[in-house]
Amino acid sequence: MNIKNEIKSYLAATGITMTELVERLNKDLPEDKKTSVQNLSNKLSRGSLRYDEAHQIAVAIGKRIEWVDNKKDDGQ
């Protein structure tokens, strides 16, 4: 799954629109650091979202990014 579909899936599951997400992301930012729905949508479409931005999105929708070993649970 690409980052755009993954984030849109989480938004749908939590009932948050892109507009609401952008409002949450911009809440405590100075004017020169705020983003727009179009800007975020473009980053998602291009796959150019930075890790820190993905983390901010996760926090804004009540999720967290977790690093998990890519090993089977059977001790391998």
PDB file of N, CA and C in Angstrom:
ATOM      1  N   MET A   1       0.862  -1.186   0.000  1.00  0.00           N
ATOM      2  CA  MET A   1       0.000   0.000   0.000  1.00  0.00           C
ATOM      3  C   MET A   1       0.899   1.237   0.000  1.00  0.00           C
ATOM      4  N   ASN A   2       0.555   2.229  -0.809  1.00  0.00           N
ATOM      5  CA  ASN A   2       1.355   3.443  -0.805  1.00  0.00           C
ATOM      6  C   ASN A   2       0.902   4.380   0.323  1.00  0.00           C
ATOM      7  N   ILE A   3       1.732   5.365   0.616  1.00  0.00           N
ATOM      8  CA  ILE A   3       1.492   6.249   1.758  1.00  0.00           C
ATOM      9  C   ILE A   3       0.171   7.004   1.625  1.00  0.00           C
ATOM     10  N   LYS A   4      -0.185   7.422   0.423  1.00  0.00           N
ATOM     11  CA  LYS A   4      -1.437   8.159   0.215  1.00  0.00           C
ATOM     12  C   LYS A   4      -2.636   7.299   0.602  1.00  0.00           C
ATOM     13  N   ASN A   5      -2.683   6.074   0.079  1.00  0.00           N
ATOM     14  CA  ASN A   5      -3.801   5.197   0.395  1.00  0.00           C
ATOM     15  C   ASN A   5      -3.824   4.806   1.863  1.00  0.00           C
ATOM     16  N   GLU A   6      -2.642   4.608   2.443  1.00  0.00           N
ATOM     17  CA  GLU A   6      -2.572   4.233   3.851  1.00  0.00           C
ATOM     18  C   GLU A   6      -3.112   5.347   4.742  1.00  0.00           C
ATOM     19  N   ILE A   7      -2.684   6.555   4.517  1.00  0.00           N
ATOM     20  CA  ILE A   7      -3.151   7.683   5.335  1.00  0.00           C
ATOM     21  C   ILE A   7      -4.633   7.931   5.095  1.00  0.00           C
ATOM     22  N   LYS A   8      -5.073   7.875   3.852  1.00  0.00           N
ATOM     23  CA  LYS A   8      -6.507   8.071   3.571  1.00  0.00           C
ATOM     24  C   LYS A   8      -7.340   6.978   4.236  1.00  0.00           C
ATOM     25  N   SER A   9      -6.814   5.778   4.304  1.00  0.00           N
ATOM     26  CA  SER A   9      -7.505   4.684   4.979  1.00  0.00           C
ATOM     27  C   SER A   9      -7.648   4.969   6.471  1.00  0.00           C
ATOM     28  N   TYR A  10      -6.570   5.439   7.087  1.00  0.00           N
ATOM     29  CA  TYR A  10      -6.641   5.794   8.513  1.00  0.00           C
ATOM     30  C   TYR A  10      -7.602   6.955   8.745  1.00  0.00           C
ATOM     31  N   LEU A  11      -7.600   7.920   7.846  1.00  0.00           N
ATOM     32  CA  LEU A  11      -8.530   9.050   7.985  1.00  0.00           C
ATOM     33  C   LEU A  11      -9.972   8.561   7.908  1.00  0.00           C
ATOM     34  N   ALA A  12     -10.257   7.702   6.955  1.00  0.00           N
ATOM     35  CA  ALA A  12     -11.615   7.175   6.805  1.00  0.00           C
ATOM     36  C   ALA A  12     -12.024   6.380   8.046  1.00  0.00           C
ATOM     37  N   ALA A  13     -11.103   5.580   8.568  1.00  0.00           N
ATOM     38  CA  ALA A  13     -11.403   4.754   9.737  1.00  0.00           C
ATOM     39  C   ALA A  13     -11.670   5.595  10.979  1.00  0.00           C
ATOM     40  N   THR A  14     -11.043   6.761  11.056  1.00  0.00           N
ATOM     41  CA  THR A  14     -11.235   7.628  12.220  1.00  0.00           C
ATOM     42  C   THR A  14     -12.289   8.703  11.984  1.00  0.00           C
ATOM     43  N   GLY A  15     -12.810   8.777  10.749  1.00  0.00           N
ATOM     44  CA  GLY A  15     -13.853   9.752  10.445  1.00  0.00           C
ATOM     45  C   GLY A  15     -13.350  11.179  10.344  1.00  0.00           C
ATOM     46  N   ILE A  16     -12.080  11.342  10.012  1.00  0.00           N
ATOM     47  CA  ILE A  16     -11.481  12.671   9.902  1.00  0.00           C
ATOM     48  C   ILE A  16     -11.273  12.994   8.420  1.00  0.00           C
ATOM     49  N   THR A  17     -11.686  14.169   8.018  1.00  0.00           N
ATOM     50  CA  THR A  17     -11.485  14.595   6.633  1.00  0.00           C
ATOM     51  C   THR A  17     -10.097  15.206   6.476  1.00  0.00           C
ATOM     52  N   MET A  18      -9.659  15.362   5.244  1.00  0.00           N
ATOM     53  CA  MET A  18      -8.370  16.018   4.983  1.00  0.00           C
ATOM     54  C   MET A  18      -8.382  17.445   5.515  1.00  0.00           C
ATOM     55  N   THR A  19      -9.522  18.119   5.377  1.00  0.00           N
ATOM     56  CA  THR A  19      -9.637  19.483   5.876  1.00  0.00           C
ATOM     57  C   THR A  19      -9.456  19.522   7.391  1.00  0.00           C
ATOM     58  N   GLU A  20     -10.112  18.597   8.099  1.00  0.00           N
ATOM     59  CA  GLU A  20      -9.959  18.536   9.556  1.00  0.00           C
ATOM     60  C   GLU A  20      -8.522  18.196   9.938  1.00  0.00           C
ATOM     61  N   LEU A  21      -7.908  17.296   9.188  1.00  0.00           N
ATOM     62  CA  LEU A  21      -6.520  16.932   9.462  1.00  0.00           C
ATOM     63  C   LEU A  21      -5.612  18.148   9.333  1.00  0.00           C
ATOM     64  N   VAL A  22      -5.767  18.886   8.254  1.00  0.00           N
ATOM     65  CA  VAL A  22      -4.935  20.067   8.033  1.00  0.00           C
ATOM     66  C   VAL A  22      -5.174  21.098   9.132  1.00  0.00           C
ATOM     67  N   GLU A  23      -6.415  21.262   9.564  1.00  0.00           N
ATOM     68  CA  GLU A  23      -6.703  22.189  10.665  1.00  0.00           C
ATOM     69  C   GLU A  23      -5.966  21.751  11.929  1.00  0.00           C
ATOM     70  N   ARG A  24      -5.968  20.456  12.206  1.00  0.00           N
ATOM     71  CA  ARG A  24      -5.261  19.942  13.384  1.00  0.00           C
ATOM     72  C   ARG A  24      -3.756  20.152  13.258  1.00  0.00           C
ATOM     73  N   LEU A  25      -3.224  19.892  12.071  1.00  0.00           N
ATOM     74  CA  LEU A  25      -1.788  20.060  11.862  1.00  0.00           C
ATOM     75  C   LEU A  25      -1.364  21.522  11.990  1.00  0.00           C
ATOM     76  N   ASN A  26      -2.216  22.432  11.567  1.00  0.00           N
ATOM     77  CA  ASN A  26      -1.894  23.863  11.571  1.00  0.00           C
ATOM     78  C   ASN A  26      -2.170  24.545  12.899  1.00  0.00           C
ATOM     79  N   LYS A  27      -2.863  23.873  13.797  1.00  0.00           N
ATOM     80  CA  LYS A  27      -3.387  24.492  15.016  1.00  0.00           C
ATOM     81  C   LYS A  27      -2.383  25.378  15.752  1.00  0.00           C
ATOM     82  N   ASP A  28      -1.212  24.873  16.033  1.00  0.00           N
ATOM     83  CA  ASP A  28      -0.248  25.623  16.840  1.00  0.00           C
ATOM     84  C   ASP A  28       0.947  26.126  16.037  1.00  0.00           C
ATOM     85  N   LEU A  29       0.812  26.165  14.729  1.00  0.00           N
ATOM     86  CA  LEU A  29       1.920  26.592  13.885  1.00  0.00           C
ATOM     87  C   LEU A  29       1.828  28.072  13.528  1.00  0.00           C
ATOM     88  N   PRO A  30       2.973  28.723  13.362  1.00  0.00           N
ATOM     89  CA  PRO A  30       2.946  30.105  12.857  1.00  0.00           C
ATOM     90  C   PRO A  30       2.481  30.107  11.399  1.00  0.00           C
ATOM     91  N   GLU A  31       2.002  31.233  10.952  1.00  0.00           N
ATOM     92  CA  GLU A  31       1.440  31.349   9.598  1.00  0.00           C
ATOM     93  C   GLU A  31       2.388  30.836   8.509  1.00  0.00           C
ATOM     94  N   ASP A  32       3.674  31.118   8.649  1.00  0.00           N
ATOM     95  CA  ASP A  32       4.614  30.728   7.593  1.00  0.00           C
ATOM     96  C   ASP A  32       4.934  29.230   7.585  1.00  0.00           C
ATOM     97  N   LYS A  33       4.444  28.486   8.559  1.00  0.00           N
ATOM     98  CA  LYS A  33       4.685  27.037   8.633  1.00  0.00           C
ATOM     99  C   LYS A  33       3.435  26.214   8.333  1.00  0.00           C
ATOM    100  N   LYS A  34       2.295  26.877   8.155  1.00  0.00           N
ATOM    101  CA  LYS A  34       1.035  26.173   7.937  1.00  0.00           C
ATOM    102  C   LYS A  34       0.982  25.564   6.543  1.00  0.00           C
ATOM    103  N   THR A  35       0.229  24.492   6.427  1.00  0.00           N
ATOM    104  CA  THR A  35       0.066  23.804   5.155  1.00  0.00           C
ATOM    105  C   THR A  35      -1.381  23.932   4.694  1.00  0.00           C
ATOM    106  N   SER A  36      -1.654  23.474   3.508  1.00  0.00           N
ATOM    107  CA  SER A  36      -3.008  23.505   2.971  1.00  0.00           C
ATOM    108  C   SER A  36      -3.401  22.083   2.588  1.00  0.00           C
ATOM    109  N   VAL A  37      -4.685  21.876   2.369  1.00  0.00           N
ATOM    110  CA  VAL A  37      -5.167  20.571   1.928  1.00  0.00           C
ATOM    111  C   VAL A  37      -4.499  20.220   0.606  1.00  0.00           C
ATOM    112  N   GLN A  38      -4.402  21.179  -0.296  1.00  0.00           N
ATOM    113  CA  GLN A  38      -3.785  20.936  -1.601  1.00  0.00           C
ATOM    114  C   GLN A  38      -2.321  20.543  -1.462  1.00  0.00           C
ATOM    115  N   ASN A  39      -1.587  21.236  -0.606  1.00  0.00           N
ATOM    116  CA  ASN A  39      -0.174  20.928  -0.407  1.00  0.00           C
ATOM    117  C   ASN A  39       0.003  19.525   0.162  1.00  0.00           C
ATOM    118  N   LEU A  40      -0.784  19.170   1.168  1.00  0.00           N
ATOM    119  CA  LEU A  40      -0.697  17.841   1.760  1.00  0.00           C
ATOM    120  C   LEU A  40      -1.092  16.770   0.745  1.00  0.00           C
ATOM    121  N   SER A  41      -2.150  17.021   0.007  1.00  0.00           N
ATOM    122  CA  SER A  41      -2.592  16.082  -1.014  1.00  0.00           C
ATOM    123  C   SER A  41      -1.515  15.865  -2.076  1.00  0.00           C
ATOM    124  N   ASN A  42      -0.841  16.937  -2.476  1.00  0.00           N
ATOM    125  CA  ASN A  42       0.246  16.831  -3.458  1.00  0.00           C
ATOM    126  C   ASN A  42       1.390  15.993  -2.917  1.00  0.00           C
ATOM    127  N   LYS A  43       1.763  16.211  -1.657  1.00  0.00           N
ATOM    128  CA  LYS A  43       2.842  15.426  -1.052  1.00  0.00           C
ATOM    129  C   LYS A  43       2.471  13.952  -0.995  1.00  0.00           C
ATOM    130  N   LEU A  44       1.234  13.667  -0.662  1.00  0.00           N
ATOM    131  CA  LEU A  44       0.788  12.278  -0.603  1.00  0.00           C
ATOM    132  C   LEU A  44       0.798  11.650  -1.996  1.00  0.00           C
ATOM    133  N   SER A  45       0.354  12.390  -2.992  1.00  0.00           N
ATOM    134  CA  SER A  45       0.318  11.864  -4.362  1.00  0.00           C
ATOM    135  C   SER A  45       1.720  11.611  -4.907  1.00  0.00           C
ATOM    136  N   ARG A  46       2.647  12.501  -4.586  1.00  0.00           N
ATOM    137  CA  ARG A  46       4.021  12.356  -5.069  1.00  0.00           C
ATOM    138  C   ARG A  46       4.824  11.360  -4.239  1.00  0.00           C
ATOM    139  N   GLY A  47       4.323  11.051  -3.034  1.00  0.00           N
ATOM    140  CA  GLY A  47       5.086  10.187  -2.136  1.00  0.00           C
ATOM    141  C   GLY A  47       6.265  10.915  -1.523  1.00  0.00           C
ATOM    142  N   SER A  48       6.147  12.229  -1.375  1.00  0.00           N
ATOM    143  CA  SER A  48       7.258  13.038  -0.870  1.00  0.00           C
ATOM    144  C   SER A  48       7.049  13.507   0.573  1.00  0.00           C
ATOM    145  N   LEU A  49       6.164  12.843   1.283  1.00  0.00           N
ATOM    146  CA  LEU A  49       5.904  13.183   2.680  1.00  0.00           C
ATOM    147  C   LEU A  49       7.119  12.806   3.516  1.00  0.00           C
ATOM    148  N   ARG A  50       7.606  13.719   4.337  1.00  0.00           N
ATOM    149  CA  ARG A  50       8.741  13.434   5.209  1.00  0.00           C
ATOM    150  C   ARG A  50       8.274  12.621   6.423  1.00  0.00           C
ATOM    151  N   TYR A  51       9.212  11.931   7.044  1.00  0.00           N
ATOM    152  CA  TYR A  51       8.888  11.107   8.202  1.00  0.00           C
ATOM    153  C   TYR A  51       8.275  11.949   9.314  1.00  0.00           C
ATOM    154  N   ASP A  52       8.839  13.118   9.586  1.00  0.00           N
ATOM    155  CA  ASP A  52       8.303  13.954  10.658  1.00  0.00           C
ATOM    156  C   ASP A  52       6.873  14.405  10.346  1.00  0.00           C
ATOM    157  N   GLU A  53       6.555  14.600   9.088  1.00  0.00           N
ATOM    158  CA  GLU A  53       5.191  14.960   8.707  1.00  0.00           C
ATOM    159  C   GLU A  53       4.246  13.778   8.910  1.00  0.00           C
ATOM    160  N   ALA A  54       4.712  12.577   8.565  1.00  0.00           N
ATOM    161  CA  ALA A  54       3.900  11.376   8.796  1.00  0.00           C
ATOM    162  C   ALA A  54       3.649  11.197  10.289  1.00  0.00           C
ATOM    163  N   HIS A  55       4.667  11.470  11.093  1.00  0.00           N
ATOM    164  CA  HIS A  55       4.514  11.365  12.553  1.00  0.00           C
ATOM    165  C   HIS A  55       3.484  12.374  13.051  1.00  0.00           C
ATOM    166  N   GLN A  56       3.536  13.597  12.561  1.00  0.00           N
ATOM    167  CA  GLN A  56       2.575  14.630  12.958  1.00  0.00           C
ATOM    168  C   GLN A  56       1.160  14.239  12.561  1.00  0.00           C
ATOM    169  N   ILE A  57       1.007  13.644  11.399  1.00  0.00           N
ATOM    170  CA  ILE A  57      -0.304  13.177  10.959  1.00  0.00           C
ATOM    171  C   ILE A  57      -0.813  12.094  11.899  1.00  0.00           C
ATOM    172  N   ALA A  58       0.051  11.142  12.210  1.00  0.00           N
ATOM    173  CA  ALA A  58      -0.341  10.053  13.117  1.00  0.00           C
ATOM    174  C   ALA A  58      -0.821  10.610  14.456  1.00  0.00           C
ATOM    175  N   VAL A  59      -0.073  11.519  15.027  1.00  0.00           N
ATOM    176  CA  VAL A  59      -0.454  12.123  16.305  1.00  0.00           C
ATOM    177  C   VAL A  59      -1.787  12.865  16.174  1.00  0.00           C
ATOM    178  N   ALA A  60      -1.964  13.588  15.082  1.00  0.00           N
ATOM    179  CA  ALA A  60      -3.187  14.380  14.878  1.00  0.00           C
ATOM    180  C   ALA A  60      -4.435  13.509  14.787  1.00  0.00           C
ATOM    181  N   ILE A  61      -4.277  12.255  14.355  1.00  0.00           N
ATOM    182  CA  ILE A  61      -5.450  11.377  14.235  1.00  0.00           C
ATOM    183  C   ILE A  61      -5.488  10.320  15.337  1.00  0.00           C
ATOM    184  N   GLY A  62      -4.648  10.516  16.354  1.00  0.00           N
ATOM    185  CA  GLY A  62      -4.690   9.618  17.508  1.00  0.00           C
ATOM    186  C   GLY A  62      -4.029   8.274  17.273  1.00  0.00           C
ATOM    187  N   LYS A  63      -3.046   8.243  16.397  1.00  0.00           N
ATOM    188  CA  LYS A  63      -2.302   7.009  16.094  1.00  0.00           C
ATOM    189  C   LYS A  63      -0.837   7.213  16.434  1.00  0.00           C
ATOM    190  N   ARG A  64      -0.063   6.143  16.313  1.00  0.00           N
ATOM    191  CA  ARG A  64       1.379   6.265  16.450  1.00  0.00           C
ATOM    192  C   ARG A  64       2.045   5.367  15.420  1.00  0.00           C
ATOM    193  N   ILE A  65       3.224   5.755  15.022  1.00  0.00           N
ATOM    194  CA  ILE A  65       4.009   4.944  14.104  1.00  0.00           C
ATOM    195  C   ILE A  65       4.860   4.030  14.960  1.00  0.00           C
ATOM    196  N   GLU A  66       4.832   2.771  14.636  1.00  0.00           N
ATOM    197  CA  GLU A  66       5.566   1.796  15.434  1.00  0.00           C
ATOM    198  C   GLU A  66       6.497   0.992  14.543  1.00  0.00           C
ATOM    199  N   TRP A  67       7.719   0.833  14.985  1.00  0.00           N
ATOM    200  CA  TRP A  67       8.694   0.030  14.261  1.00  0.00           C
ATOM    201  C   TRP A  67       8.617  -1.376  14.823  1.00  0.00           C
ATOM    202  N   VAL A  68       8.360  -2.346  13.956  1.00  0.00           N
ATOM    203  CA  VAL A  68       8.178  -3.728  14.359  1.00  0.00           C
ATOM    204  C   VAL A  68       9.154  -4.597  13.578  1.00  0.00           C
ATOM    205  N   ASP A  69       9.779  -5.542  14.283  1.00  0.00           N
ATOM    206  CA  ASP A  69      10.669  -6.480  13.590  1.00  0.00           C
ATOM    207  C   ASP A  69       9.904  -7.193  12.493  1.00  0.00           C
ATOM    208  N   ASN A  70      10.566  -7.416  11.410  1.00  0.00           N
ATOM    209  CA  ASN A  70       9.950  -8.080  10.269  1.00  0.00           C
ATOM    210  C   ASN A  70      10.219  -9.584  10.300  1.00  0.00           C
ATOM    211  N   LYS A  71      10.259 -10.122  11.495  1.00  0.00           N
ATOM    212  CA  LYS A  71      10.511 -11.544  11.682  1.00  0.00           C
ATOM    213  C   LYS A  71       9.221 -12.243  12.071  1.00  0.00           C
ATOM    214  N   LYS A  72       9.182 -13.513  11.844  1.00  0.00           N
ATOM    215  CA  LYS A  72       8.040 -14.293  12.296  1.00  0.00           C
ATOM    216  C   LYS A  72       8.083 -14.423  13.805  1.00  0.00           C
ATOM    217  N   ASP A  73       6.935 -14.625  14.420  1.00  0.00           N
ATOM    218  CA  ASP A  73       6.851 -14.759  15.869  1.00  0.00           C
ATOM    219  C   ASP A  73       7.370 -16.094  16.399  1.00  0.00           C
ATOM    220  N   ASP A  74       7.803 -16.983  15.501  1.00  0.00           N
ATOM    221  CA  ASP A  74       8.221 -18.305  15.945  1.00  0.00           C
ATOM    222  C   ASP A  74       9.717 -18.369  16.274  1.00  0.00           C
ATOM    223  N   GLY A  75      10.329 -17.210  16.523  1.00  0.00           N
ATOM    224  CA  GLY A  75      11.711 -17.186  16.960  1.00  0.00           C
ATOM    225  C   GLY A  75      12.741 -17.098  15.864  1.00  0.00           C
ATOM    226  N   GLN A  76      12.320 -16.982  14.637  1.00  0.00           N
ATOM    227  CA  GLN A  76      13.277 -16.860  13.533  1.00  0.00           C
ATOM    228  C   GLN A  76      13.819 -15.464  13.430  1.00  0.00           C
TER     229      GLN A  76
END
